[in-house]
């Protein structure tokens, strides 16, 4: 074992001397010619920030209006939110007999009321049934259309991932939302 340690130490010493000597004896390379500086437009990213949200919403039908509670986090600051979602308007073909690959496609609007303002969106929604009876996977792209308070004149898109559980006349939507928004003013 001592031979291996001595051999390893000797190899590392030789390697270190080799690296040091090559930098000492290296010849100067030809002068570096700097590329001209191209003026690029300045993109204001100071007010672009990540936004996440979680919500639990309830309805009396799968494609109905949902109301619930959530939490929006902006720059690490959480805000409690009251959520309201309009009924889904179908834009794709409606398959009343759900096959395993059937997907419901539609649009709806959403709003999140917080202490710092209200965020409003128009959502492109995809609802996919899963083999478990009464369960659906949900994906939506939420296009921010404006709002009040800090959300006034905000821009961006959010992605929603979630699931809906339908039991009789009761539907529950559990969702996670994430994305980036451009704010005119950020909460402090």
C-alpha atoms as a PDB file:
ATOM      1  CA  UNK A   1       0.000   0.000   0.000  1.00  0.00           C
ATOM      2  CA  UNK A   2       2.883   2.354   0.817  1.00  0.00           C
ATOM      3  CA  UNK A   3       4.329   1.780  -2.678  1.00  0.00           C
ATOM      4  CA  UNK A   4       1.058   2.845  -4.299  1.00  0.00           C
ATOM      5  CA  UNK A   5       0.901   6.001  -2.188  1.00  0.00           C
ATOM      6  CA  UNK A   6       4.559   6.860  -2.980  1.00  0.00           C
ATOM      7  CA  UNK A   7       3.973   6.168  -6.674  1.00  0.00           C
ATOM      8  CA  UNK A   8       0.803   8.332  -6.691  1.00  0.00           C
ATOM      9  CA  UNK A   9       2.639  11.150  -4.911  1.00  0.00           C
ATOM     10  CA  UNK A  10       5.544  10.911  -7.338  1.00  0.00           C
ATOM     11  CA  UNK A  11       3.211  10.979 -10.375  1.00  0.00           C
ATOM     12  CA  UNK A  12       1.354  14.024  -9.089  1.00  0.00           C
ATOM     13  CA  UNK A  13       4.659  15.834  -8.386  1.00  0.00           C
ATOM     14  CA  UNK A  14       5.957  15.099 -11.913  1.00  0.00           C
ATOM     15  CA  UNK A  15       2.633  16.226 -13.437  1.00  0.00           C
ATOM     16  CA  UNK A  16       2.669  19.460 -11.430  1.00  0.00           C
ATOM     17  CA  UNK A  17       6.275  20.230 -12.481  1.00  0.00           C
ATOM     18  CA  UNK A  18       5.364  19.510 -16.100  1.00  0.00           C
ATOM     19  CA  UNK A  19       2.426  21.914 -16.006  1.00  0.00           C
ATOM     20  CA  UNK A  20       4.443  24.641 -14.286  1.00  0.00           C
ATOM     21  CA  UNK A  21       7.385  24.326 -16.663  1.00  0.00           C
ATOM     22  CA  UNK A  22       5.219  24.508 -19.792  1.00  0.00           C
ATOM     23  CA  UNK A  23       3.698  27.778 -18.664  1.00  0.00           C
ATOM     24  CA  UNK A  24       7.146  29.192 -17.795  1.00  0.00           C
ATOM     25  CA  UNK A  25       8.701  28.265 -21.141  1.00  0.00           C
ATOM     26  CA  UNK A  26       5.717  28.933 -23.348  1.00  0.00           C
ATOM     27  CA  UNK A  27       6.215  31.481 -26.079  1.00  0.00           C
ATOM     28  CA  UNK A  28       3.900  34.422 -26.389  1.00  0.00           C
ATOM     29  CA  UNK A  29       1.116  33.783 -28.825  1.00  0.00           C
ATOM     30  CA  UNK A  30       0.250  36.220 -31.545  1.00  0.00           C
ATOM     31  CA  UNK A  31      -1.597  39.274 -30.260  1.00  0.00           C
ATOM     32  CA  UNK A  32      -5.312  38.817 -29.780  1.00  0.00           C
ATOM     33  CA  UNK A  33      -7.418  41.001 -32.016  1.00  0.00           C
ATOM     34  CA  UNK A  34     -10.595  42.023 -30.268  1.00  0.00           C
ATOM     35  CA  UNK A  35     -13.851  41.781 -32.183  1.00  0.00           C
ATOM     36  CA  UNK A  36     -15.718  45.021 -32.692  1.00  0.00           C
ATOM     37  CA  UNK A  37     -18.411  45.714 -30.097  1.00  0.00           C
ATOM     38  CA  UNK A  38     -21.891  45.431 -31.569  1.00  0.00           C
ATOM     39  CA  UNK A  39     -24.543  47.486 -29.865  1.00  0.00           C
ATOM     40  CA  UNK A  40     -27.447  45.186 -28.968  1.00  0.00           C
ATOM     41  CA  UNK A  41     -30.829  46.341 -27.753  1.00  0.00           C
ATOM     42  CA  UNK A  42     -31.091  46.400 -23.993  1.00  0.00           C
ATOM     43  CA  UNK A  43     -33.706  44.000 -22.679  1.00  0.00           C
ATOM     44  CA  UNK A  44     -35.247  45.100 -19.403  1.00  0.00           C
ATOM     45  CA  UNK A  45     -35.147  41.899 -17.377  1.00  0.00           C
ATOM     46  CA  UNK A  46     -35.059  43.653 -14.026  1.00  0.00           C
ATOM     47  CA  UNK A  47     -38.789  43.165 -13.561  1.00  0.00           C
ATOM     48  CA  UNK A  48     -39.071  39.670 -15.085  1.00  0.00           C
ATOM     49  CA  UNK A  49     -39.519  37.251 -12.257  1.00  0.00           C
ATOM     50  CA  UNK A  50     -40.545  33.687 -11.596  1.00  0.00           C
ATOM     51  CA  UNK A  51     -44.044  33.030 -10.359  1.00  0.00           C
ATOM     52  CA  UNK A  52     -45.386  29.810  -8.838  1.00  0.00           C
ATOM     53  CA  UNK A  53     -48.800  29.013  -7.461  1.00  0.00           C
ATOM     54  CA  UNK A  54     -50.724  26.130  -5.956  1.00  0.00           C
ATOM     55  CA  UNK A  55     -54.487  25.991  -5.722  1.00  0.00           C
ATOM     56  CA  UNK A  56     -57.398  23.757  -4.822  1.00  0.00           C
ATOM     57  CA  UNK A  57     -60.655  24.627  -6.596  1.00  0.00           C
ATOM     58  CA  UNK A  58     -64.127  23.102  -6.499  1.00  0.00           C
ATOM     59  CA  UNK A  59     -67.007  22.838  -9.001  1.00  0.00           C
ATOM     60  CA  UNK A  60     -70.235  20.914  -9.499  1.00  0.00           C
ATOM     61  CA  UNK A  61     -69.088  19.500 -12.885  1.00  0.00           C
ATOM     62  CA  UNK A  62     -65.896  18.686 -14.785  1.00  0.00           C
ATOM     63  CA  UNK A  63     -66.143  21.596 -17.252  1.00  0.00           C
ATOM     64  CA  UNK A  64     -67.935  23.984 -14.854  1.00  0.00           C
ATOM     65  CA  UNK A  65     -66.875  27.130 -13.043  1.00  0.00           C
ATOM     66  CA  UNK A  66     -64.360  26.508 -10.242  1.00  0.00           C
ATOM     67  CA  UNK A  67     -63.767  28.542  -7.070  1.00  0.00           C
ATOM     68  CA  UNK A  68     -61.162  27.970  -4.427  1.00  0.00           C
ATOM     69  CA  UNK A  69     -58.056  29.105  -2.601  1.00  0.00           C
ATOM     70  CA  UNK A  70     -54.412  29.171  -3.533  1.00  0.00           C
ATOM     71  CA  UNK A  71     -51.029  30.687  -2.872  1.00  0.00           C
ATOM     72  CA  UNK A  72     -49.012  32.711  -5.385  1.00  0.00           C
ATOM     73  CA  UNK A  73     -45.277  33.109  -4.768  1.00  0.00           C
ATOM     74  CA  UNK A  74     -43.495  36.038  -6.438  1.00  0.00           C
ATOM     75  CA  UNK A  75     -39.745  36.478  -5.858  1.00  0.00           C
ATOM     76  CA  UNK A  76     -40.017  34.110  -2.899  1.00  0.00           C
ATOM     77  CA  UNK A  77     -42.825  36.139  -1.297  1.00  0.00           C
ATOM     78  CA  UNK A  78     -46.047  34.095  -0.799  1.00  0.00           C
ATOM     79  CA  UNK A  79     -49.481  35.701  -1.133  1.00  0.00           C
ATOM     80  CA  UNK A  80     -52.766  33.984  -0.274  1.00  0.00           C
ATOM     81  CA  UNK A  81     -55.183  34.088  -3.223  1.00  0.00           C
ATOM     82  CA  UNK A  82     -58.863  33.561  -3.903  1.00  0.00           C
ATOM     83  CA  UNK A  83     -59.200  31.770  -7.248  1.00  0.00           C
ATOM     84  CA  UNK A  84     -62.079  31.936  -9.724  1.00  0.00           C
ATOM     85  CA  UNK A  85     -62.202  29.977 -12.979  1.00  0.00           C
ATOM     86  CA  UNK A  86     -64.902  30.412 -15.634  1.00  0.00           C
ATOM     87  CA  UNK A  87     -66.624  27.392 -17.250  1.00  0.00           C
ATOM     88  CA  UNK A  88     -64.669  25.661 -20.001  1.00  0.00           C
ATOM     89  CA  UNK A  89     -65.695  26.513 -23.580  1.00  0.00           C
ATOM     90  CA  UNK A  90     -64.812  23.564 -25.809  1.00  0.00           C
ATOM     91  CA  UNK A  91     -62.745  24.406 -28.908  1.00  0.00           C
ATOM     92  CA  UNK A  92     -61.912  20.877 -30.023  1.00  0.00           C
ATOM     93  CA  UNK A  93     -64.196  17.978 -30.913  1.00  0.00           C
ATOM     94  CA  UNK A  94     -66.227  16.800 -27.952  1.00  0.00           C
ATOM     95  CA  UNK A  95     -66.162  13.026 -27.464  1.00  0.00           C
ATOM     96  CA  UNK A  96     -69.013  12.156 -25.098  1.00  0.00           C
ATOM     97  CA  UNK A  97     -67.817   8.558 -24.818  1.00  0.00           C
ATOM     98  CA  UNK A  98     -64.374   8.893 -23.267  1.00  0.00           C
ATOM     99  CA  UNK A  99     -61.942   6.606 -25.004  1.00  0.00           C
ATOM    100  CA  UNK A 100     -58.537   6.063 -23.441  1.00  0.00           C
ATOM    101  CA  UNK A 101     -56.925   8.658 -25.740  1.00  0.00           C
ATOM    102  CA  UNK A 102     -59.765  11.214 -25.686  1.00  0.00           C
ATOM    103  CA  UNK A 103     -58.748  14.753 -24.769  1.00  0.00           C
ATOM    104  CA  UNK A 104     -61.070  17.661 -24.046  1.00  0.00           C
ATOM    105  CA  UNK A 105     -59.683  20.940 -25.397  1.00  0.00           C
ATOM    106  CA  UNK A 106     -61.087  24.342 -24.538  1.00  0.00           C
ATOM    107  CA  UNK A 107     -60.564  27.878 -23.268  1.00  0.00           C
ATOM    108  CA  UNK A 108     -61.518  29.573 -20.027  1.00  0.00           C
ATOM    109  CA  UNK A 109     -60.523  32.585 -17.946  1.00  0.00           C
ATOM    110  CA  UNK A 110     -59.008  32.613 -14.470  1.00  0.00           C
ATOM    111  CA  UNK A 111     -58.439  35.225 -11.796  1.00  0.00           C
ATOM    112  CA  UNK A 112     -56.340  35.241  -8.642  1.00  0.00           C
ATOM    113  CA  UNK A 113     -57.274  37.865  -6.019  1.00  0.00           C
ATOM    114  CA  UNK A 114     -54.424  38.659  -3.614  1.00  0.00           C
ATOM    115  CA  UNK A 115     -53.648  41.409  -1.106  1.00  0.00           C
ATOM    116  CA  UNK A 116     -51.344  43.061  -3.708  1.00  0.00           C
ATOM    117  CA  UNK A 117     -53.726  42.882  -6.675  1.00  0.00           C
ATOM    118  CA  UNK A 118     -55.705  40.636  -8.986  1.00  0.00           C
ATOM    119  CA  UNK A 119     -54.120  38.610 -11.813  1.00  0.00           C
ATOM    120  CA  UNK A 120     -56.343  37.662 -14.788  1.00  0.00           C
ATOM    121  CA  UNK A 121     -55.567  35.106 -17.494  1.00  0.00           C
ATOM    122  CA  UNK A 122     -57.089  33.430 -20.545  1.00  0.00           C
ATOM    123  CA  UNK A 123     -56.253  29.722 -20.525  1.00  0.00           C
ATOM    124  CA  UNK A 124     -55.849  27.072 -23.237  1.00  0.00           C
ATOM    125  CA  UNK A 125     -56.872  23.886 -21.412  1.00  0.00           C
ATOM    126  CA  UNK A 126     -56.325  20.180 -22.183  1.00  0.00           C
ATOM    127  CA  UNK A 127     -58.136  17.606 -20.015  1.00  0.00           C
ATOM    128  CA  UNK A 128     -57.118  13.958 -20.409  1.00  0.00           C
ATOM    129  CA  UNK A 129     -58.992  11.086 -18.701  1.00  0.00           C
ATOM    130  CA  UNK A 130     -56.844   8.436 -17.036  1.00  0.00           C
ATOM    131  CA  UNK A 131     -57.694   4.751 -16.464  1.00  0.00           C
ATOM    132  CA  UNK A 132     -58.776   5.383 -12.849  1.00  0.00           C
ATOM    133  CA  UNK A 133     -62.514   6.171 -12.880  1.00  0.00           C
ATOM    134  CA  UNK A 134     -63.256   9.838 -12.200  1.00  0.00           C
ATOM    135  CA  UNK A 135     -59.665  11.123 -12.536  1.00  0.00           C
ATOM    136  CA  UNK A 136     -58.390  13.512 -15.216  1.00  0.00           C
ATOM    137  CA  UNK A 137     -55.015  15.082 -15.915  1.00  0.00           C
ATOM    138  CA  UNK A 138     -55.046  18.794 -16.741  1.00  0.00           C
ATOM    139  CA  UNK A 139     -52.523  20.913 -18.631  1.00  0.00           C
ATOM    140  CA  UNK A 140     -53.108  24.580 -19.445  1.00  0.00           C
ATOM    141  CA  UNK A 141     -51.172  27.510 -20.828  1.00  0.00           C
ATOM    142  CA  UNK A 142     -52.346  30.624 -19.021  1.00  0.00           C
ATOM    143  CA  UNK A 143     -51.861  33.856 -21.004  1.00  0.00           C
ATOM    144  CA  UNK A 144     -51.786  36.863 -18.653  1.00  0.00           C
ATOM    145  CA  UNK A 145     -54.262  39.510 -19.807  1.00  0.00           C
ATOM    146  CA  UNK A 146     -53.633  42.013 -17.004  1.00  0.00           C
ATOM    147  CA  UNK A 147     -54.980  42.763 -13.611  1.00  0.00           C
ATOM    148  CA  UNK A 148     -54.897  45.291 -10.807  1.00  0.00           C
ATOM    149  CA  UNK A 149     -52.270  46.378  -8.258  1.00  0.00           C
ATOM    150  CA  UNK A 150     -48.856  44.908  -9.027  1.00  0.00           C
ATOM    151  CA  UNK A 151     -50.452  42.814 -11.765  1.00  0.00           C
ATOM    152  CA  UNK A 152     -51.563  45.903 -13.730  1.00  0.00           C
ATOM    153  CA  UNK A 153     -49.833  45.828 -17.123  1.00  0.00           C
ATOM    154  CA  UNK A 154     -48.067  42.552 -16.256  1.00  0.00           C
ATOM    155  CA  UNK A 155     -47.200  40.259 -19.176  1.00  0.00           C
ATOM    156  CA  UNK A 156     -46.238  36.635 -19.600  1.00  0.00           C
ATOM    157  CA  UNK A 157     -47.433  33.050 -19.681  1.00  0.00           C
ATOM    158  CA  UNK A 158     -47.875  30.514 -16.931  1.00  0.00           C
ATOM    159  CA  UNK A 159     -48.120  26.723 -17.213  1.00  0.00           C
ATOM    160  CA  UNK A 160     -50.666  24.810 -15.137  1.00  0.00           C
ATOM    161  CA  UNK A 161     -50.309  21.111 -14.333  1.00  0.00           C
ATOM    162  CA  UNK A 162     -52.877  19.322 -12.256  1.00  0.00           C
ATOM    163  CA  UNK A 163     -55.588  16.758 -11.800  1.00  0.00           C
ATOM    164  CA  UNK A 164     -59.336  16.792 -11.487  1.00  0.00           C
ATOM    165  CA  UNK A 165     -61.235  14.254  -9.408  1.00  0.00           C
ATOM    166  CA  UNK A 166     -64.946  13.918 -10.199  1.00  0.00           C
ATOM    167  CA  UNK A 167     -67.301  12.130  -7.792  1.00  0.00           C
ATOM    168  CA  UNK A 168     -70.990  12.508  -8.667  1.00  0.00           C
ATOM    169  CA  UNK A 169     -71.830  16.227  -8.703  1.00  0.00           C
ATOM    170  CA  UNK A 170     -68.509  17.218  -7.125  1.00  0.00           C
ATOM    171  CA  UNK A 171     -65.265  18.109  -8.954  1.00  0.00           C
ATOM    172  CA  UNK A 172     -61.990  19.037  -7.321  1.00  0.00           C
ATOM    173  CA  UNK A 173     -59.086  20.632  -9.255  1.00  0.00           C
ATOM    174  CA  UNK A 174     -55.650  20.442  -7.628  1.00  0.00           C
ATOM    175  CA  UNK A 175     -53.063  22.396  -9.599  1.00  0.00           C
ATOM    176  CA  UNK A 176     -49.512  23.702  -9.649  1.00  0.00           C
ATOM    177  CA  UNK A 177     -48.702  26.773 -11.749  1.00  0.00           C
ATOM    178  CA  UNK A 178     -45.300  28.111 -12.788  1.00  0.00           C
ATOM    179  CA  UNK A 179     -43.858  30.607 -15.220  1.00  0.00           C
ATOM    180  CA  UNK A 180     -42.306  34.045 -15.642  1.00  0.00           C
ATOM    181  CA  UNK A 181     -44.058  37.389 -15.673  1.00  0.00           C
ATOM    182  CA  UNK A 182     -42.885  40.900 -16.469  1.00  0.00           C
ATOM    183  CA  UNK A 183     -44.019  43.291 -13.737  1.00  0.00           C
ATOM    184  CA  UNK A 184     -44.034  47.056 -13.968  1.00  0.00           C
ATOM    185  CA  UNK A 185     -43.508  47.147 -10.185  1.00  0.00           C
ATOM    186  CA  UNK A 186     -42.562  44.251  -7.947  1.00  0.00           C
ATOM    187  CA  UNK A 187     -43.901  43.697  -4.428  1.00  0.00           C
ATOM    188  CA  UNK A 188     -41.527  44.719  -1.663  1.00  0.00           C
END
